[in-house]
C-alpha cells in the first residue's frame, strides 16, 4: 500500500461527471480518464452526457472534418 495517496487535481466548487459511476461529483474524486469536467455548476455536470452527444453530432456533420475525397477513397477499398 502506498504511503501517500496521489491526489487528483481540482478545486472546491468544480463539478465533474464520473463515467465509471455515472454520477455527478463535486471535486475530482475519480481519475481524469473516468470523468468529464470541470463544470461551473452541478446542473451543467448533470447534462454532461447530453452535451457530449450534441458535440459529437456537430463534429460528425462538420464538413471541415469529413472531406469528400477521403470518403471516396474509403469507398473504393
PDB file of N, CA and C in Angstrom:
ATOM      1  N   UNK A   1       0.851  -1.184   0.000  1.00  0.00           N
ATOM      2  CA  UNK A   1       0.000   0.000   0.000  1.00  0.00           C
ATOM      3  C   UNK A   1       0.887   1.235   0.000  1.00  0.00           C
ATOM      4  N   UNK A   2       0.605   2.200  -0.882  1.00  0.00           N
ATOM      5  CA  UNK A   2       1.454   3.389  -0.946  1.00  0.00           C
ATOM      6  C   UNK A   2       1.340   4.232   0.319  1.00  0.00           C
ATOM      7  N   UNK A   3       2.423   4.865   0.637  1.00  0.00           N
ATOM      8  CA  UNK A   3       2.458   5.723   1.818  1.00  0.00           C
ATOM      9  C   UNK A   3       1.631   6.986   1.598  1.00  0.00           C
ATOM     10  N   UNK A   4       1.724   7.537   0.404  1.00  0.00           N
ATOM     11  CA  UNK A   4       0.977   8.751   0.090  1.00  0.00           C
ATOM     12  C   UNK A   4       0.025   8.472  -1.061  1.00  0.00           C
ATOM     13  N   UNK A   5      -1.207   8.885  -0.912  1.00  0.00           N
ATOM     14  CA  UNK A   5      -2.189   8.726  -1.982  1.00  0.00           C
ATOM     15  C   UNK A   5      -2.061   9.891  -2.947  1.00  0.00           C
ATOM     16  N   UNK A   6      -1.951   9.574  -4.227  1.00  0.00           N
ATOM     17  CA  UNK A   6      -1.853  10.621  -5.240  1.00  0.00           C
ATOM     18  C   UNK A   6      -3.207  11.310  -5.364  1.00  0.00           C
ATOM     19  N   UNK A   7      -3.218  12.624  -5.171  1.00  0.00           N
ATOM     20  CA  UNK A   7      -4.470  13.389  -5.228  1.00  0.00           C
ATOM     21  C   UNK A   7      -4.775  13.787  -6.656  1.00  0.00           C
ATOM     22  N   UNK A   8      -6.054  13.794  -6.983  1.00  0.00           N
ATOM     23  CA  UNK A   8      -6.469  14.283  -8.288  1.00  0.00           C
ATOM     24  C   UNK A   8      -6.521  15.807  -8.228  1.00  0.00           C
ATOM     25  N   UNK A   9      -6.354  16.431  -9.370  1.00  0.00           N
ATOM     26  CA  UNK A   9      -6.300  17.885  -9.437  1.00  0.00           C
ATOM     27  C   UNK A   9      -7.713  18.449  -9.537  1.00  0.00           C
ATOM     28  N   UNK A  10      -7.981  19.503  -8.800  1.00  0.00           N
ATOM     29  CA  UNK A  10      -9.275  20.164  -8.872  1.00  0.00           C
ATOM     30  C   UNK A  10      -9.441  21.140  -7.733  1.00  0.00           C
ATOM     31  N   UNK A  11     -10.482  21.938  -7.833  1.00  0.00           N
ATOM     32  CA  UNK A  11     -10.761  22.947  -6.815  1.00  0.00           C
ATOM     33  C   UNK A  11     -12.164  22.740  -6.267  1.00  0.00           C
ATOM     34  N   UNK A  12     -12.399  23.115  -5.018  1.00  0.00           N
ATOM     35  CA  UNK A  12     -13.768  23.048  -4.500  1.00  0.00           C
ATOM     36  C   UNK A  12     -14.687  23.918  -5.348  1.00  0.00           C
ATOM     37  N   UNK A  13     -15.896  23.446  -5.569  1.00  0.00           N
ATOM     38  CA  UNK A  13     -16.847  24.196  -6.391  1.00  0.00           C
ATOM     39  C   UNK A  13     -16.829  23.783  -7.844  1.00  0.00           C
ATOM     40  N   UNK A  14     -15.865  22.952  -8.234  1.00  0.00           N
ATOM     41  CA  UNK A  14     -15.851  22.419  -9.594  1.00  0.00           C
ATOM     42  C   UNK A  14     -16.638  21.117  -9.593  1.00  0.00           C
ATOM     43  N   UNK A  15     -17.405  20.922 -10.636  1.00  0.00           N
ATOM     44  CA  UNK A  15     -18.253  19.740 -10.741  1.00  0.00           C
ATOM     45  C   UNK A  15     -17.784  18.867 -11.890  1.00  0.00           C
ATOM     46  N   UNK A  16     -17.896  17.563 -11.706  1.00  0.00           N
ATOM     47  CA  UNK A  16     -17.469  16.589 -12.695  1.00  0.00           C
ATOM     48  C   UNK A  16     -18.558  15.538 -12.872  1.00  0.00           C
ATOM     49  N   UNK A  17     -18.555  14.903 -14.047  1.00  0.00           N
ATOM     50  CA  UNK A  17     -19.438  13.763 -14.267  1.00  0.00           C
ATOM     51  C   UNK A  17     -18.549  12.540 -14.385  1.00  0.00           C
ATOM     52  N   UNK A  18     -18.732  11.571 -13.495  1.00  0.00           N
ATOM     53  CA  UNK A  18     -17.929  10.357 -13.486  1.00  0.00           C
ATOM     54  C   UNK A  18     -18.542   9.338 -14.437  1.00  0.00           C
ATOM     55  N   UNK A  19     -17.770   8.931 -15.434  1.00  0.00           N
ATOM     56  CA  UNK A  19     -18.225   7.953 -16.417  1.00  0.00           C
ATOM     57  C   UNK A  19     -18.274   6.545 -15.828  1.00  0.00           C
ATOM     58  N   UNK A  20     -17.438   6.276 -14.859  1.00  0.00           N
ATOM     59  CA  UNK A  20     -17.386   4.962 -14.217  1.00  0.00           C
ATOM     60  C   UNK A  20     -18.622   4.718 -13.341  1.00  0.00           C
ATOM     61  N   UNK A  21     -18.938   5.719 -12.513  1.00  0.00           N
ATOM     62  CA  UNK A  21     -20.043   5.582 -11.555  1.00  0.00           C
ATOM     63  C   UNK A  21     -21.357   6.179 -12.063  1.00  0.00           C
ATOM     64  N   UNK A  22     -21.274   6.896 -13.206  1.00  0.00           N
ATOM     65  CA  UNK A  22     -22.445   7.544 -13.808  1.00  0.00           C
ATOM     66  C   UNK A  22     -23.160   8.469 -12.820  1.00  0.00           C
ATOM     67  N   UNK A  23     -22.345   9.336 -12.191  1.00  0.00           N
ATOM     68  CA  UNK A  23     -22.911  10.291 -11.240  1.00  0.00           C
ATOM     69  C   UNK A  23     -22.094  11.577 -11.235  1.00  0.00           C
ATOM     70  N   UNK A  24     -22.704  12.612 -10.708  1.00  0.00           N
ATOM     71  CA  UNK A  24     -22.068  13.921 -10.586  1.00  0.00           C
ATOM     72  C   UNK A  24     -21.295  13.954  -9.273  1.00  0.00           C
ATOM     73  N   UNK A  25     -20.095  14.536  -9.332  1.00  0.00           N
ATOM     74  CA  UNK A  25     -19.250  14.644  -8.138  1.00  0.00           C
ATOM     75  C   UNK A  25     -18.723  16.069  -8.015  1.00  0.00           C
ATOM     76  N   UNK A  26     -18.678  16.555  -6.798  1.00  0.00           N
ATOM     77  CA  UNK A  26     -18.034  17.853  -6.570  1.00  0.00           C
ATOM     78  C   UNK A  26     -16.576  17.585  -6.276  1.00  0.00           C
ATOM     79  N   UNK A  27     -15.721  18.211  -7.045  1.00  0.00           N
ATOM     80  CA  UNK A  27     -14.298  17.916  -6.919  1.00  0.00           C
ATOM     81  C   UNK A  27     -14.003  16.620  -7.641  1.00  0.00           C
ATOM     82  N   UNK A  28     -12.789  16.455  -8.094  1.00  0.00           N
ATOM     83  CA  UNK A  28     -12.461  15.257  -8.858  1.00  0.00           C
ATOM     84  C   UNK A  28     -12.172  14.067  -7.938  1.00  0.00           C
ATOM     85  N   UNK A  29     -13.167  13.255  -7.678  1.00  0.00           N
ATOM     86  CA  UNK A  29     -12.968  12.069  -6.844  1.00  0.00           C
ATOM     87  C   UNK A  29     -12.356  10.927  -7.638  1.00  0.00           C
ATOM     88  N   UNK A  30     -12.658  10.853  -8.919  1.00  0.00           N
ATOM     89  CA  UNK A  30     -12.212   9.752  -9.762  1.00  0.00           C
ATOM     90  C   UNK A  30     -11.100  10.217 -10.697  1.00  0.00           C
ATOM     91  N   UNK A  31     -10.326   9.270 -11.251  1.00  0.00           N
ATOM     92  CA  UNK A  31      -9.238   9.638 -12.171  1.00  0.00           C
ATOM     93  C   UNK A  31      -9.752  10.389 -13.401  1.00  0.00           C
ATOM     94  N   UNK A  32      -8.897  11.208 -13.973  1.00  0.00           N
ATOM     95  CA  UNK A  32      -9.253  12.019 -15.127  1.00  0.00           C
ATOM     96  C   UNK A  32      -9.770  11.205 -16.301  1.00  0.00           C
ATOM     97  N   UNK A  33      -9.264   9.988 -16.472  1.00  0.00           N
ATOM     98  CA  UNK A  33      -9.706   9.154 -17.594  1.00  0.00           C
ATOM     99  C   UNK A  33     -11.156   8.718 -17.456  1.00  0.00           C
ATOM    100  N   UNK A  34     -11.719   8.849 -16.267  1.00  0.00           N
ATOM    101  CA  UNK A  34     -13.081   8.392 -15.998  1.00  0.00           C
ATOM    102  C   UNK A  34     -14.081   9.525 -15.799  1.00  0.00           C
ATOM    103  N   UNK A  35     -13.712  10.752 -16.167  1.00  0.00           N
ATOM    104  CA  UNK A  35     -14.640  11.849 -15.877  1.00  0.00           C
ATOM    105  C   UNK A  35     -14.648  12.911 -16.962  1.00  0.00           C
ATOM    106  N   UNK A  36     -15.767  13.629 -17.035  1.00  0.00           N
ATOM    107  CA  UNK A  36     -15.912  14.830 -17.846  1.00  0.00           C
ATOM    108  C   UNK A  36     -15.899  16.008 -16.892  1.00  0.00           C
ATOM    109  N   UNK A  37     -15.331  17.110 -17.303  1.00  0.00           N
ATOM    110  CA  UNK A  37     -15.358  18.310 -16.486  1.00  0.00           C
ATOM    111  C   UNK A  37     -14.014  18.983 -16.481  1.00  0.00           C
ATOM    112  N   UNK A  38     -13.873  20.032 -15.740  1.00  0.00           N
ATOM    113  CA  UNK A  38     -14.800  20.538 -14.731  1.00  0.00           C
ATOM    114  C   UNK A  38     -15.913  21.389 -15.336  1.00  0.00           C
ATOM    115  N   UNK A  39     -17.024  21.412 -14.637  1.00  0.00           N
ATOM    116  CA  UNK A  39     -18.171  22.247 -14.983  1.00  0.00           C
ATOM    117  C   UNK A  39     -18.358  23.277 -13.876  1.00  0.00           C
ATOM    118  N   UNK A  40     -18.939  24.417 -14.236  1.00  0.00           N
ATOM    119  CA  UNK A  40     -19.127  25.506 -13.276  1.00  0.00           C
ATOM    120  C   UNK A  40     -20.255  25.237 -12.292  1.00  0.00           C
ATOM    121  N   UNK A  41     -21.202  24.369 -12.679  1.00  0.00           N
ATOM    122  CA  UNK A  41     -22.333  24.107 -11.790  1.00  0.00           C
ATOM    123  C   UNK A  41     -22.709  22.628 -11.822  1.00  0.00           C
ATOM    124  N   UNK A  42     -23.446  22.227 -10.813  1.00  0.00           N
ATOM    125  CA  UNK A  42     -23.929  20.849 -10.748  1.00  0.00           C
ATOM    126  C   UNK A  42     -24.847  20.548 -11.941  1.00  0.00           C
ATOM    127  N   UNK A  43     -25.692  21.511 -12.303  1.00  0.00           N
ATOM    128  CA  UNK A  43     -26.628  21.330 -13.414  1.00  0.00           C
ATOM    129  C   UNK A  43     -25.889  21.045 -14.722  1.00  0.00           C
ATOM    130  N   UNK A  44     -24.792  21.774 -14.973  1.00  0.00           N
ATOM    131  CA  UNK A  44     -24.006  21.529 -16.184  1.00  0.00           C
ATOM    132  C   UNK A  44     -23.431  20.116 -16.172  1.00  0.00           C
ATOM    133  N   UNK A  45     -22.922  19.679 -15.031  1.00  0.00           N
ATOM    134  CA  UNK A  45     -22.349  18.340 -14.916  1.00  0.00           C
ATOM    135  C   UNK A  45     -23.423  17.267 -15.101  1.00  0.00           C
ATOM    136  N   UNK A  46     -24.633  17.528 -14.627  1.00  0.00           N
ATOM    137  CA  UNK A  46     -25.728  16.564 -14.776  1.00  0.00           C
ATOM    138  C   UNK A  46     -26.078  16.336 -16.243  1.00  0.00           C
ATOM    139  N   UNK A  47     -25.815  17.332 -17.095  1.00  0.00           N
ATOM    140  CA  UNK A  47     -26.126  17.235 -18.523  1.00  0.00           C
ATOM    141  C   UNK A  47     -24.888  16.907 -19.359  1.00  0.00           C
ATOM    142  N   UNK A  48     -23.847  16.396 -18.734  1.00  0.00           N
ATOM    143  CA  UNK A  48     -22.580  16.137 -19.430  1.00  0.00           C
ATOM    144  C   UNK A  48     -22.740  15.174 -20.595  1.00  0.00           C
ATOM    145  N   UNK A  49     -23.476  14.097 -20.407  1.00  0.00           N
ATOM    146  CA  UNK A  49     -23.629  13.108 -21.481  1.00  0.00           C
ATOM    147  C   UNK A  49     -24.436  13.688 -22.648  1.00  0.00           C
ATOM    148  N   UNK A  50     -25.448  14.480 -22.336  1.00  0.00           N
ATOM    149  CA  UNK A  50     -26.248  15.128 -23.375  1.00  0.00           C
ATOM    150  C   UNK A  50     -25.387  16.115 -24.164  1.00  0.00           C
ATOM    151  N   UNK A  51     -24.575  16.888 -23.454  1.00  0.00           N
ATOM    152  CA  UNK A  51     -23.675  17.843 -24.100  1.00  0.00           C
ATOM    153  C   UNK A  51     -22.689  17.111 -25.000  1.00  0.00           C
ATOM    154  N   UNK A  52     -22.146  15.990 -24.527  1.00  0.00           N
ATOM    155  CA  UNK A  52     -21.196  15.212 -25.327  1.00  0.00           C
ATOM    156  C   UNK A  52     -21.860  14.665 -26.590  1.00  0.00           C
ATOM    157  N   UNK A  53     -23.088  14.166 -26.464  1.00  0.00           N
ATOM    158  CA  UNK A  53     -23.811  13.664 -27.642  1.00  0.00           C
ATOM    159  C   UNK A  53     -24.026  14.771 -28.675  1.00  0.00           C
ATOM    160  N   UNK A  54     -24.413  15.959 -28.201  1.00  0.00           N
ATOM    161  CA  UNK A  54     -24.635  17.086 -29.110  1.00  0.00           C
ATOM    162  C   UNK A  54     -23.346  17.488 -29.815  1.00  0.00           C
ATOM    163  N   UNK A  55     -22.256  17.540 -29.069  1.00  0.00           N
ATOM    164  CA  UNK A  55     -20.972  17.917 -29.663  1.00  0.00           C
ATOM    165  C   UNK A  55     -20.488  16.864 -30.649  1.00  0.00           C
ATOM    166  N   UNK A  56     -20.693  15.587 -30.335  1.00  0.00           N
ATOM    167  CA  UNK A  56     -20.308  14.524 -31.265  1.00  0.00           C
ATOM    168  C   UNK A  56     -21.087  14.631 -32.562  1.00  0.00           C
ATOM    169  N   UNK A  57     -22.371  14.912 -32.462  1.00  0.00           N
ATOM    170  CA  UNK A  57     -23.213  15.055 -33.649  1.00  0.00           C
ATOM    171  C   UNK A  57     -22.749  16.239 -34.501  1.00  0.00           C
ATOM    172  N   UNK A  58     -22.420  17.354 -33.844  1.00  0.00           N
ATOM    173  CA  UNK A  58     -21.909  18.520 -34.575  1.00  0.00           C
ATOM    174  C   UNK A  58     -20.614  18.172 -35.297  1.00  0.00           C
ATOM    175  N   UNK A  59     -19.743  17.457 -34.613  1.00  0.00           N
ATOM    176  CA  UNK A  59     -18.459  17.081 -35.210  1.00  0.00           C
ATOM    177  C   UNK A  59     -18.671  16.134 -36.393  1.00  0.00           C
ATOM    178  N   UNK A  60     -19.536  15.152 -36.229  1.00  0.00           N
ATOM    179  CA  UNK A  60     -19.788  14.191 -37.296  1.00  0.00           C
ATOM    180  C   UNK A  60     -20.366  14.851 -38.547  1.00  0.00           C
ATOM    181  N   UNK A  61     -21.077  15.942 -38.379  1.00  0.00           N
ATOM    182  CA  UNK A  61     -21.697  16.634 -39.514  1.00  0.00           C
ATOM    183  C   UNK A  61     -20.911  17.856 -39.980  1.00  0.00           C
ATOM    184  N   UNK A  62     -19.737  18.068 -39.426  1.00  0.00           N
ATOM    185  CA  UNK A  62     -18.914  19.216 -39.789  1.00  0.00           C
ATOM    186  C   UNK A  62     -18.138  18.901 -41.073  1.00  0.00           C
ATOM    187  N   UNK A  63     -18.404  19.636 -42.156  1.00  0.00           N
ATOM    188  CA  UNK A  63     -17.720  19.340 -43.426  1.00  0.00           C
ATOM    189  C   UNK A  63     -16.207  19.543 -43.365  1.00  0.00           C
ATOM    190  N   UNK A  64     -15.705  20.338 -42.442  1.00  0.00           N
ATOM    191  CA  UNK A  64     -14.253  20.540 -42.322  1.00  0.00           C
ATOM    192  C   UNK A  64     -13.545  19.258 -41.885  1.00  0.00           C
ATOM    193  N   UNK A  65     -14.260  18.359 -41.216  1.00  0.00           N
ATOM    194  CA  UNK A  65     -13.652  17.127 -40.711  1.00  0.00           C
ATOM    195  C   UNK A  65     -13.885  15.941 -41.627  1.00  0.00           C
ATOM    196  N   UNK A  66     -14.761  16.087 -42.598  1.00  0.00           N
ATOM    197  CA  UNK A  66     -15.084  14.973 -43.477  1.00  0.00           C
ATOM    198  C   UNK A  66     -14.958  15.407 -44.936  1.00  0.00           C
ATOM    199  N   UNK A  67     -13.770  15.273 -45.481  1.00  0.00           N
ATOM    200  CA  UNK A  67     -13.537  15.633 -46.878  1.00  0.00           C
ATOM    201  C   UNK A  67     -14.215  14.623 -47.789  1.00  0.00           C
ATOM    202  N   UNK A  68     -14.747  15.086 -48.897  1.00  0.00           N
ATOM    203  CA  UNK A  68     -15.365  14.203 -49.883  1.00  0.00           C
ATOM    204  C   UNK A  68     -14.318  13.243 -50.448  1.00  0.00           C
ATOM    205  N   UNK A  69     -13.091  13.716 -50.653  1.00  0.00           N
ATOM    206  CA  UNK A  69     -12.029  12.878 -51.196  1.00  0.00           C
ATOM    207  C   UNK A  69     -11.715  11.712 -50.260  1.00  0.00           C
ATOM    208  N   UNK A  70     -11.608  11.974 -48.973  1.00  0.00           N
ATOM    209  CA  UNK A  70     -11.309  10.916 -48.006  1.00  0.00           C
ATOM    210  C   UNK A  70     -12.430   9.892 -47.983  1.00  0.00           C
ATOM    211  N   UNK A  71     -13.669  10.322 -48.095  1.00  0.00           N
ATOM    212  CA  UNK A  71     -14.808   9.411 -48.117  1.00  0.00           C
ATOM    213  C   UNK A  71     -14.773   8.550 -49.369  1.00  0.00           C
ATOM    214  N   UNK A  72     -14.443   9.159 -50.532  1.00  0.00           N
ATOM    215  CA  UNK A  72     -14.381   8.416 -51.781  1.00  0.00           C
ATOM    216  C   UNK A  72     -13.291   7.355 -51.737  1.00  0.00           C
ATOM    217  N   UNK A  73     -12.140   7.661 -51.143  1.00  0.00           N
ATOM    218  CA  UNK A  73     -11.035   6.706 -51.054  1.00  0.00           C
ATOM    219  C   UNK A  73     -11.431   5.499 -50.210  1.00  0.00           C
ATOM    220  N   UNK A  74     -12.174   5.705 -49.127  1.00  0.00           N
ATOM    221  CA  UNK A  74     -12.591   4.594 -48.276  1.00  0.00           C
ATOM    222  C   UNK A  74     -13.602   3.712 -48.989  1.00  0.00           C
ATOM    223  N   UNK A  75     -14.450   4.305 -49.805  1.00  0.00           N
ATOM    224  CA  UNK A  75     -15.468   3.534 -50.520  1.00  0.00           C
ATOM    225  C   UNK A  75     -14.860   2.650 -51.609  1.00  0.00           C
ATOM    226  N   UNK A  76     -13.681   3.054 -52.160  1.00  0.00           N
ATOM    227  CA  UNK A  76     -13.060   2.287 -53.241  1.00  0.00           C
ATOM    228  C   UNK A  76     -12.448   0.985 -52.759  1.00  0.00           C
ATOM    229  N   UNK A  77     -12.040   0.933 -51.470  1.00  0.00           N
ATOM    230  CA  UNK A  77     -11.280  -0.208 -50.972  1.00  0.00           C
ATOM    231  C   UNK A  77     -12.130  -1.284 -50.542  1.00  0.00           C
TER     232      UNK A  77
END
